[in-house]
Amino acid sequence: MISNIQRKGVVMGIIWSLLAWIPYYTDYLGSVRGIIGIPAALGLNLELALNRGDSFAYSILLGAGMGFVIGSIADFARNGIKIVGLFPRKKKKLYGRGL
């Protein structure tokens, strides 16, 4: 079952992969092309390596996959890692008081 964080990661990955094509088609965001354009660059390289398909579709699939992986890591870090003393307890333990 997919969690809400993973679902949000997939949606953000698709949005990221759509925004990644802006520096390739226009002159906007050219200074951050190396960071924003990761899914587009990977899609272009995959199309060149396979000699078939569409680099735009590959970039969307790769962006969704990267978003899912980042969402899974964030979900694991949020639910699986417990740091002692980071979040103090709000309730006091009531031992043997009948409450």
PDB file of N, CA and C in Angstrom:
ATOM      1  N   MET A   1       0.839  -1.172   0.000  1.00  0.00           N
ATOM      2  CA  MET A   1       0.000   0.000   0.000  1.00  0.00           C
ATOM      3  C   MET A   1       0.892   1.246   0.000  1.00  0.00           C
ATOM      4  N   ILE A   2       0.484   2.225  -0.737  1.00  0.00           N
ATOM      5  CA  ILE A   2       1.275   3.445  -0.868  1.00  0.00           C
ATOM      6  C   ILE A   2       0.784   4.467   0.164  1.00  0.00           C
ATOM      7  N   SER A   3       1.730   5.106   0.829  1.00  0.00           N
ATOM      8  CA  SER A   3       1.365   6.077   1.859  1.00  0.00           C
ATOM      9  C   SER A   3       1.130   7.454   1.227  1.00  0.00           C
ATOM     10  N   ASN A   4       0.621   8.361   2.029  1.00  0.00           N
ATOM     11  CA  ASN A   4       0.357   9.714   1.534  1.00  0.00           C
ATOM     12  C   ASN A   4       1.649  10.435   1.170  1.00  0.00           C
ATOM     13  N   ILE A   5       2.699  10.196   1.932  1.00  0.00           N
ATOM     14  CA  ILE A   5       3.980  10.844   1.640  1.00  0.00           C
ATOM     15  C   ILE A   5       4.540  10.339   0.313  1.00  0.00           C
ATOM     16  N   GLN A   6       4.405   9.041   0.053  1.00  0.00           N
ATOM     17  CA  GLN A   6       4.875   8.486  -1.208  1.00  0.00           C
ATOM     18  C   GLN A   6       4.042   9.012  -2.376  1.00  0.00           C
ATOM     19  N   ARG A   7       2.738   9.150  -2.174  1.00  0.00           N
ATOM     20  CA  ARG A   7       1.869   9.692  -3.216  1.00  0.00           C
ATOM     21  C   ARG A   7       2.235  11.144  -3.525  1.00  0.00           C
ATOM     22  N   LYS A   8       2.499  11.920  -2.482  1.00  0.00           N
ATOM     23  CA  LYS A   8       2.923  13.300  -2.689  1.00  0.00           C
ATOM     24  C   LYS A   8       4.284  13.354  -3.379  1.00  0.00           C
ATOM     25  N   GLY A   9       5.159  12.397  -3.066  1.00  0.00           N
ATOM     26  CA  GLY A   9       6.458  12.328  -3.727  1.00  0.00           C
ATOM     27  C   GLY A   9       6.328  12.049  -5.213  1.00  0.00           C
ATOM     28  N   VAL A  10       5.399  11.176  -5.585  1.00  0.00           N
ATOM     29  CA  VAL A  10       5.181  10.882  -7.002  1.00  0.00           C
ATOM     30  C   VAL A  10       4.637  12.110  -7.723  1.00  0.00           C
ATOM     31  N   VAL A  11       3.683  12.801  -7.107  1.00  0.00           N
ATOM     32  CA  VAL A  11       3.117  14.010  -7.727  1.00  0.00           C
ATOM     33  C   VAL A  11       4.187  15.086  -7.866  1.00  0.00           C
ATOM     34  N   MET A  12       4.984  15.286  -6.829  1.00  0.00           N
ATOM     35  CA  MET A  12       6.050  16.283  -6.903  1.00  0.00           C
ATOM     36  C   MET A  12       7.104  15.885  -7.940  1.00  0.00           C
ATOM     37  N   GLY A  13       7.368  14.586  -8.093  1.00  0.00           N
ATOM     38  CA  GLY A  13       8.304  14.124  -9.115  1.00  0.00           C
ATOM     39  C   GLY A  13       7.800  14.383 -10.520  1.00  0.00           C
ATOM     40  N   ILE A  14       6.498  14.214 -10.733  1.00  0.00           N
ATOM     41  CA  ILE A  14       5.925  14.504 -12.053  1.00  0.00           C
ATOM     42  C   ILE A  14       5.985  15.998 -12.336  1.00  0.00           C
ATOM     43  N   ILE A  15       5.672  16.812 -11.342  1.00  0.00           N
ATOM     44  CA  ILE A  15       5.760  18.264 -11.525  1.00  0.00           C
ATOM     45  C   ILE A  15       7.201  18.677 -11.787  1.00  0.00           C
ATOM     46  N   TRP A  16       8.140  18.066 -11.066  1.00  0.00           N
ATOM     47  CA  TRP A  16       9.560  18.359 -11.275  1.00  0.00           C
ATOM     48  C   TRP A  16       9.995  17.990 -12.691  1.00  0.00           C
ATOM     49  N   SER A  17       9.526  16.845 -13.183  1.00  0.00           N
ATOM     50  CA  SER A  17       9.932  16.435 -14.522  1.00  0.00           C
ATOM     51  C   SER A  17       9.306  17.326 -15.594  1.00  0.00           C
ATOM     52  N   LEU A  18       8.123  17.879 -15.338  1.00  0.00           N
ATOM     53  CA  LEU A  18       7.544  18.826 -16.295  1.00  0.00           C
ATOM     54  C   LEU A  18       8.298  20.157 -16.272  1.00  0.00           C
ATOM     55  N   LEU A  19       8.685  20.608 -15.080  1.00  0.00           N
ATOM     56  CA  LEU A  19       9.446  21.850 -14.972  1.00  0.00           C
ATOM     57  C   LEU A  19      10.871  21.697 -15.494  1.00  0.00           C
ATOM     58  N   ALA A  20      11.354  20.481 -15.580  1.00  0.00           N
ATOM     59  CA  ALA A  20      12.728  20.248 -16.027  1.00  0.00           C
ATOM     60  C   ALA A  20      12.925  20.597 -17.494  1.00  0.00           C
ATOM     61  N   TRP A  21      11.849  20.623 -18.264  1.00  0.00           N
ATOM     62  CA  TRP A  21      11.977  20.915 -19.685  1.00  0.00           C
ATOM     63  C   TRP A  21      11.996  22.404 -19.991  1.00  0.00           C
ATOM     64  N   ILE A  22      11.681  23.256 -19.014  1.00  0.00           N
ATOM     65  CA  ILE A  22      11.673  24.707 -19.252  1.00  0.00           C
ATOM     66  C   ILE A  22      13.049  25.227 -19.668  1.00  0.00           C
ATOM     67  N   PRO A  23      14.151  24.849 -18.993  1.00  0.00           N
ATOM     68  CA  PRO A  23      15.459  25.358 -19.455  1.00  0.00           C
ATOM     69  C   PRO A  23      15.876  24.834 -20.825  1.00  0.00           C
ATOM     70  N   TYR A  24      15.332  23.694 -21.257  1.00  0.00           N
ATOM     71  CA  TYR A  24      15.715  23.149 -22.554  1.00  0.00           C
ATOM     72  C   TYR A  24      14.994  23.847 -23.707  1.00  0.00           C
ATOM     73  N   TYR A  25      13.761  24.309 -23.477  1.00  0.00           N
ATOM     74  CA  TYR A  25      12.996  24.947 -24.536  1.00  0.00           C
ATOM     75  C   TYR A  25      13.077  26.469 -24.522  1.00  0.00           C
ATOM     76  N   THR A  26      13.339  27.049 -23.377  1.00  0.00           N
ATOM     77  CA  THR A  26      13.402  28.506 -23.264  1.00  0.00           C
ATOM     78  C   THR A  26      14.738  28.899 -22.646  1.00  0.00           C
ATOM     79  N   ASP A  27      14.896  30.180 -22.424  1.00  0.00           N
ATOM     80  CA  ASP A  27      16.117  30.675 -21.789  1.00  0.00           C
ATOM     81  C   ASP A  27      15.911  30.908 -20.296  1.00  0.00           C
ATOM     82  N   TYR A  28      14.703  30.642 -19.806  1.00  0.00           N
ATOM     83  CA  TYR A  28      14.425  30.828 -18.388  1.00  0.00           C
ATOM     84  C   TYR A  28      15.073  29.721 -17.572  1.00  0.00           C
ATOM     85  N   LEU A  29      15.460  30.052 -16.365  1.00  0.00           N
ATOM     86  CA  LEU A  29      16.045  29.104 -15.405  1.00  0.00           C
ATOM     87  C   LEU A  29      17.301  28.433 -15.935  1.00  0.00           C
ATOM     88  N   GLY A  30      18.028  29.106 -16.792  1.00  0.00           N
ATOM     89  CA  GLY A  30      19.244  28.537 -17.360  1.00  0.00           C
ATOM     90  C   GLY A  30      20.358  28.366 -16.347  1.00  0.00           C
ATOM     91  N   SER A  31      20.352  29.208 -15.311  1.00  0.00           N
ATOM     92  CA  SER A  31      21.426  29.128 -14.315  1.00  0.00           C
ATOM     93  C   SER A  31      21.283  27.916 -13.405  1.00  0.00           C
ATOM     94  N   VAL A  32      20.070  27.407 -13.257  1.00  0.00           N
ATOM     95  CA  VAL A  32      19.856  26.235 -12.393  1.00  0.00           C
ATOM     96  C   VAL A  32      19.474  25.011 -13.220  1.00  0.00           C
ATOM     97  N   ARG A  33      19.901  25.010 -14.472  1.00  0.00           N
ATOM     98  CA  ARG A  33      19.560  23.908 -15.372  1.00  0.00           C
ATOM     99  C   ARG A  33      20.126  22.572 -14.892  1.00  0.00           C
ATOM    100  N   GLY A  34      21.283  22.601 -14.273  1.00  0.00           N
ATOM    101  CA  GLY A  34      21.904  21.362 -13.801  1.00  0.00           C
ATOM    102  C   GLY A  34      21.127  20.688 -12.688  1.00  0.00           C
ATOM    103  N   ILE A  35      20.429  21.472 -11.872  1.00  0.00           N
ATOM    104  CA  ILE A  35      19.670  20.898 -10.762  1.00  0.00           C
ATOM    105  C   ILE A  35      18.240  20.592 -11.176  1.00  0.00           C
ATOM    106  N   ILE A  36      17.595  21.564 -11.802  1.00  0.00           N
ATOM    107  CA  ILE A  36      16.194  21.371 -12.183  1.00  0.00           C
ATOM    108  C   ILE A  36      16.073  20.374 -13.332  1.00  0.00           C
ATOM    109  N   GLY A  37      17.021  20.371 -14.230  1.00  0.00           N
ATOM    110  CA  GLY A  37      16.914  19.567 -15.439  1.00  0.00           C
ATOM    111  C   GLY A  37      17.366  18.136 -15.325  1.00  0.00           C
ATOM    112  N   ILE A  38      17.481  17.600 -14.129  1.00  0.00           N
ATOM    113  CA  ILE A  38      17.944  16.217 -13.968  1.00  0.00           C
ATOM    114  C   ILE A  38      17.020  15.219 -14.662  1.00  0.00           C
ATOM    115  N   PRO A  39      15.688  15.252 -14.465  1.00  0.00           N
ATOM    116  CA  PRO A  39      14.844  14.279 -15.171  1.00  0.00           C
ATOM    117  C   PRO A  39      14.887  14.434 -16.690  1.00  0.00           C
ATOM    118  N   ALA A  40      14.977  15.673 -17.177  1.00  0.00           N
ATOM    119  CA  ALA A  40      15.037  15.884 -18.622  1.00  0.00           C
ATOM    120  C   ALA A  40      16.341  15.326 -19.198  1.00  0.00           C
ATOM    121  N   ALA A  41      17.438  15.568 -18.517  1.00  0.00           N
ATOM    122  CA  ALA A  41      18.725  15.055 -18.996  1.00  0.00           C
ATOM    123  C   ALA A  41      18.751  13.528 -18.976  1.00  0.00           C
ATOM    124  N   LEU A  42      18.200  12.939 -17.919  1.00  0.00           N
ATOM    125  CA  LEU A  42      18.153  11.480 -17.863  1.00  0.00           C
ATOM    126  C   LEU A  42      17.235  10.904 -18.934  1.00  0.00           C
ATOM    127  N   GLY A  43      16.120  11.581 -19.206  1.00  0.00           N
ATOM    128  CA  GLY A  43      15.223  11.132 -20.276  1.00  0.00           C
ATOM    129  C   GLY A  43      15.875  11.223 -21.644  1.00  0.00           C
ATOM    130  N   LEU A  44      16.614  12.305 -21.895  1.00  0.00           N
ATOM    131  CA  LEU A  44      17.330  12.433 -23.166  1.00  0.00           C
ATOM    132  C   LEU A  44      18.391  11.354 -23.318  1.00  0.00           C
ATOM    133  N   ASN A  45      19.136  11.107 -22.266  1.00  0.00           N
ATOM    134  CA  ASN A  45      20.175  10.072 -22.328  1.00  0.00           C
ATOM    135  C   ASN A  45      19.579   8.685 -22.500  1.00  0.00           C
ATOM    136  N   LEU A  46      18.442   8.422 -21.883  1.00  0.00           N
ATOM    137  CA  LEU A  46      17.801   7.111 -22.037  1.00  0.00           C
ATOM    138  C   LEU A  46      17.283   6.910 -23.451  1.00  0.00           C
ATOM    139  N   GLU A  47      16.744   7.965 -24.050  1.00  0.00           N
ATOM    140  CA  GLU A  47      16.290   7.862 -25.439  1.00  0.00           C
ATOM    141  C   GLU A  47      17.466   7.611 -26.377  1.00  0.00           C
ATOM    142  N   LEU A  48      18.572   8.302 -26.140  1.00  0.00           N
ATOM    143  CA  LEU A  48      19.746   8.083 -26.986  1.00  0.00           C
ATOM    144  C   LEU A  48      20.332   6.686 -26.799  1.00  0.00           C
ATOM    145  N   ALA A  49      20.270   6.162 -25.583  1.00  0.00           N
ATOM    146  CA  ALA A  49      20.819   4.833 -25.326  1.00  0.00           C
ATOM    147  C   ALA A  49      19.957   3.728 -25.925  1.00  0.00           C
ATOM    148  N   LEU A  50      18.631   3.900 -25.889  1.00  0.00           N
ATOM    149  CA  LEU A  50      17.736   2.849 -26.374  1.00  0.00           C
ATOM    150  C   LEU A  50      17.405   2.970 -27.862  1.00  0.00           C
ATOM    151  N   ASN A  51      17.626   4.148 -28.443  1.00  0.00           N
ATOM    152  CA  ASN A  51      17.287   4.425 -29.838  1.00  0.00           C
ATOM    153  C   ASN A  51      15.804   4.241 -30.142  1.00  0.00           C
ATOM    154  N   ARG A  52      14.962   4.446 -29.152  1.00  0.00           N
ATOM    155  CA  ARG A  52      13.513   4.391 -29.360  1.00  0.00           C
ATOM    156  C   ARG A  52      12.825   5.086 -28.200  1.00  0.00           C
ATOM    157  N   GLY A  53      11.585   5.421 -28.421  1.00  0.00           N
ATOM    158  CA  GLY A  53      10.812   6.044 -27.361  1.00  0.00           C
ATOM    159  C   GLY A  53      10.866   7.553 -27.408  1.00  0.00           C
ATOM    160  N   ASP A  54      10.291   8.155 -26.370  1.00  0.00           N
ATOM    161  CA  ASP A  54      10.190   9.600 -26.284  1.00  0.00           C
ATOM    162  C   ASP A  54      10.873  10.055 -25.004  1.00  0.00           C
ATOM    163  N   SER A  55      11.773  11.008 -25.129  1.00  0.00           N
ATOM    164  CA  SER A  55      12.518  11.459 -23.959  1.00  0.00           C
ATOM    165  C   SER A  55      11.617  12.180 -22.963  1.00  0.00           C
ATOM    166  N   PHE A  56      10.543  12.821 -23.425  1.00  0.00           N
ATOM    167  CA  PHE A  56       9.617  13.491 -22.531  1.00  0.00           C
ATOM    168  C   PHE A  56       8.896  12.466 -21.640  1.00  0.00           C
ATOM    169  N   ALA A  57       8.441  11.377 -22.243  1.00  0.00           N
ATOM    170  CA  ALA A  57       7.768  10.332 -21.464  1.00  0.00           C
ATOM    171  C   ALA A  57       8.754   9.653 -20.502  1.00  0.00           C
ATOM    172  N   TYR A  58       9.971   9.428 -20.951  1.00  0.00           N
ATOM    173  CA  TYR A  58      10.978   8.844 -20.069  1.00  0.00           C
ATOM    174  C   TYR A  58      11.269   9.761 -18.883  1.00  0.00           C
ATOM    175  N   SER A  59      11.317  11.060 -19.132  1.00  0.00           N
ATOM    176  CA  SER A  59      11.612  11.980 -18.038  1.00  0.00           C
ATOM    177  C   SER A  59      10.473  12.000 -17.022  1.00  0.00           C
ATOM    178  N   ILE A  60       9.231  11.900 -17.484  1.00  0.00           N
ATOM    179  CA  ILE A  60       8.105  11.849 -16.543  1.00  0.00           C
ATOM    180  C   ILE A  60       8.164  10.574 -15.710  1.00  0.00           C
ATOM    181  N   LEU A  61       8.454   9.449 -16.335  1.00  0.00           N
ATOM    182  CA  LEU A  61       8.558   8.186 -15.593  1.00  0.00           C
ATOM    183  C   LEU A  61       9.715   8.211 -14.600  1.00  0.00           C
ATOM    184  N   LEU A  62      10.844   8.759 -15.026  1.00  0.00           N
ATOM    185  CA  LEU A  62      11.994   8.842 -14.122  1.00  0.00           C
ATOM    186  C   LEU A  62      11.739   9.827 -12.984  1.00  0.00           C
ATOM    187  N   GLY A  63      11.073  10.935 -13.262  1.00  0.00           N
ATOM    188  CA  GLY A  63      10.732  11.891 -12.217  1.00  0.00           C
ATOM    189  C   GLY A  63       9.774  11.301 -11.197  1.00  0.00           C
ATOM    190  N   ALA A  64       8.785  10.547 -11.676  1.00  0.00           N
ATOM    191  CA  ALA A  64       7.852   9.891 -10.756  1.00  0.00           C
ATOM    192  C   ALA A  64       8.574   8.844  -9.914  1.00  0.00           C
ATOM    193  N   GLY A  65       9.499   8.126 -10.515  1.00  0.00           N
ATOM    194  CA  GLY A  65      10.272   7.131  -9.760  1.00  0.00           C
ATOM    195  C   GLY A  65      11.171   7.769  -8.720  1.00  0.00           C
ATOM    196  N   MET A  66      11.822   8.866  -9.096  1.00  0.00           N
ATOM    197  CA  MET A  66      12.673   9.558  -8.123  1.00  0.00           C
ATOM    198  C   MET A  66      11.845  10.163  -6.995  1.00  0.00           C
ATOM    199  N   GLY A  67      10.672  10.688  -7.325  1.00  0.00           N
ATOM    200  CA  GLY A  67       9.790  11.222  -6.294  1.00  0.00           C
ATOM    201  C   GLY A  67       9.305  10.143  -5.351  1.00  0.00           C
ATOM    202  N   PHE A  68       9.011   8.951  -5.887  1.00  0.00           N
ATOM    203  CA  PHE A  68       8.588   7.834  -5.045  1.00  0.00           C
ATOM    204  C   PHE A  68       9.701   7.397  -4.101  1.00  0.00           C
ATOM    205  N   VAL A  69      10.917   7.332  -4.615  1.00  0.00           N
ATOM    206  CA  VAL A  69      12.047   6.927  -3.776  1.00  0.00           C
ATOM    207  C   VAL A  69      12.307   7.959  -2.679  1.00  0.00           C
ATOM    208  N   ILE A  70      12.262   9.231  -3.035  1.00  0.00           N
ATOM    209  CA  ILE A  70      12.463  10.279  -2.030  1.00  0.00           C
ATOM    210  C   ILE A  70      11.335  10.260  -1.010  1.00  0.00           C
ATOM    211  N   GLY A  71      10.104  10.038  -1.463  1.00  0.00           N
ATOM    212  CA  GLY A  71       8.973   9.924  -0.544  1.00  0.00           C
ATOM    213  C   GLY A  71       9.089   8.723   0.372  1.00  0.00           C
ATOM    214  N   SER A  72       9.589   7.600  -0.158  1.00  0.00           N
ATOM    215  CA  SER A  72       9.775   6.407   0.670  1.00  0.00           C
ATOM    216  C   SER A  72      10.838   6.632   1.737  1.00  0.00           C
ATOM    217  N   ILE A  73      11.924   7.301   1.367  1.00  0.00           N
ATOM    218  CA  ILE A  73      12.978   7.597   2.338  1.00  0.00           C
ATOM    219  C   ILE A  73      12.450   8.548   3.405  1.00  0.00           C
ATOM    220  N   ALA A  74      11.675   9.552   2.993  1.00  0.00           N
ATOM    221  CA  ALA A  74      11.104  10.496   3.959  1.00  0.00           C
ATOM    222  C   ALA A  74      10.101   9.797   4.872  1.00  0.00           C
ATOM    223  N   ASP A  75       9.311   8.870   4.319  1.00  0.00           N
ATOM    224  CA  ASP A  75       8.341   8.127   5.126  1.00  0.00           C
ATOM    225  C   ASP A  75       9.046   7.224   6.130  1.00  0.00           C
ATOM    226  N   PHE A  76      10.117   6.575   5.696  1.00  0.00           N
ATOM    227  CA  PHE A  76      10.882   5.729   6.610  1.00  0.00           C
ATOM    228  C   PHE A  76      11.546   6.562   7.700  1.00  0.00           C
ATOM    229  N   ALA A  77      12.092   7.717   7.315  1.00  0.00           N
ATOM    230  CA  ALA A  77      12.757   8.568   8.301  1.00  0.00           C
ATOM    231  C   ALA A  77      11.753   9.129   9.307  1.00  0.00           C
ATOM    232  N   ARG A  78      10.558   9.389   8.851  1.00  0.00           N
ATOM    233  CA  ARG A  78       9.550   9.954   9.745  1.00  0.00           C
ATOM    234  C   ARG A  78       8.991   8.910  10.705  1.00  0.00           C
ATOM    235  N   ASN A  79       8.768   7.703  10.222  1.00  0.00           N
ATOM    236  CA  ASN A  79       8.113   6.680  11.041  1.00  0.00           C
ATOM    237  C   ASN A  79       9.067   5.656  11.638  1.00  0.00           C
ATOM    238  N   GLY A  80      10.200   5.432  11.016  1.00  0.00           N
ATOM    239  CA  GLY A  80      11.062   4.346  11.449  1.00  0.00           C
ATOM    240  C   GLY A  80      12.216   4.750  12.341  1.00  0.00           C
ATOM    241  N   ILE A  81      12.642   5.982  12.267  1.00  0.00           N
ATOM    242  CA  ILE A  81      13.793   6.430  13.041  1.00  0.00           C
ATOM    243  C   ILE A  81      13.295   7.163  14.276  1.00  0.00           C
ATOM    244  N   LYS A  82      13.696   6.683  15.428  1.00  0.00           N
ATOM    245  CA  LYS A  82      13.307   7.316  16.680  1.00  0.00           C
ATOM    246  C   LYS A  82      14.555   7.886  17.341  1.00  0.00           C
ATOM    247  N   ILE A  83      14.549   9.171  17.622  1.00  0.00           N
ATOM    248  CA  ILE A  83      15.663   9.830  18.292  1.00  0.00           C
ATOM    249  C   ILE A  83      15.241  10.093  19.720  1.00  0.00           C
ATOM    250  N   VAL A  84      15.953   9.498  20.654  1.00  0.00           N
ATOM    251  CA  VAL A  84      15.598   9.602  22.056  1.00  0.00           C
ATOM    252  C   VAL A  84      15.866  11.022  22.540  1.00  0.00           C
ATOM    253  N   GLY A  85      14.869  11.632  23.167  1.00  0.00           N
ATOM    254  CA  GLY A  85      15.017  12.950  23.739  1.00  0.00           C
ATOM    255  C   GLY A  85      14.757  14.087  22.792  1.00  0.00           C
ATOM    256  N   LEU A  86      14.511  13.803  21.514  1.00  0.00           N
ATOM    257  CA  LEU A  86      14.264  14.880  20.566  1.00  0.00           C
ATOM    258  C   LEU A  86      12.874  15.484  20.773  1.00  0.00           C
ATOM    259  N   PHE A  87      11.884  14.626  20.925  1.00  0.00           N
ATOM    260  CA  PHE A  87      10.520  15.074  21.163  1.00  0.00           C
ATOM    261  C   PHE A  87      10.113  14.623  22.555  1.00  0.00           C
ATOM    262  N   PRO A  88      10.079  15.526  23.527  1.00  0.00           N
ATOM    263  CA  PRO A  88       9.712  15.117  24.883  1.00  0.00           C
ATOM    264  C   PRO A  88       8.251  14.709  24.949  1.00  0.00           C
ATOM    265  N   ARG A  89       7.974  13.848  25.877  1.00  0.00           N
ATOM    266  CA  ARG A  89       6.610  13.366  26.042  1.00  0.00           C
ATOM    267  C   ARG A  89       5.729  14.450  26.621  1.00  0.00           C
ATOM    268  N   LYS A  90       4.522  14.485  26.166  1.00  0.00           N
ATOM    269  CA  LYS A  90       3.565  15.464  26.665  1.00  0.00           C
ATOM    270  C   LYS A  90       2.849  14.948  27.912  1.00  0.00           C
ATOM    271  N   LYS A  91       2.695  13.628  27.993  1.00  0.00           N
ATOM    272  CA  LYS A  91       1.979  13.032  29.114  1.00  0.00           C
ATOM    273  C   LYS A  91       2.966  12.528  30.156  1.00  0.00           C
ATOM    274  N   LYS A  92       2.571  12.620  31.378  1.00  0.00           N
ATOM    275  CA  LYS A  92       3.364  12.029  32.439  1.00  0.00           C
ATOM    276  C   LYS A  92       2.815  10.645  32.720  1.00  0.00           C
ATOM    277  N   LYS A  93       3.698   9.734  33.021  1.00  0.00           N
ATOM    278  CA  LYS A  93       3.262   8.382  33.337  1.00  0.00           C
ATOM    279  C   LYS A  93       2.684   8.357  34.746  1.00  0.00           C
ATOM    280  N   LEU A  94       1.537   7.741  34.867  1.00  0.00           N
ATOM    281  CA  LEU A  94       0.881   7.621  36.156  1.00  0.00           C
ATOM    282  C   LEU A  94       0.927   6.162  36.583  1.00  0.00           C
ATOM    283  N   TYR A  95       1.892   5.825  37.426  1.00  0.00           N
ATOM    284  CA  TYR A  95       2.055   4.456  37.853  1.00  0.00           C
ATOM    285  C   TYR A  95       1.322   4.226  39.174  1.00  0.00           C
ATOM    286  N   GLY A  96       0.474   3.232  39.199  1.00  0.00           N
ATOM    287  CA  GLY A  96      -0.153   2.787  40.439  1.00  0.00           C
ATOM    288  C   GLY A  96      -1.067   3.787  41.096  1.00  0.00           C
ATOM    289  N   ARG A  97      -1.551   4.742  40.385  1.00  0.00           N
ATOM    290  CA  ARG A  97      -2.439   5.730  40.990  1.00  0.00           C
ATOM    291  C   ARG A  97      -3.891   5.480  40.637  1.00  0.00           C
ATOM    292  N   GLY A  98      -4.131   4.478  39.854  1.00  0.00           N
ATOM    293  CA  GLY A  98      -5.486   4.129  39.509  1.00  0.00           C
ATOM    294  C   GLY A  98      -6.110   5.018  38.442  1.00  0.00           C
ATOM    295  N   LEU A  99      -5.324   5.794  37.764  1.00  0.00           N
ATOM    296  CA  LEU A  99      -5.881   6.680  36.732  1.00  0.00           C
ATOM    297  C   LEU A  99      -5.550   6.167  35.370  1.00  0.00           C
TER     298      LEU A  99
END
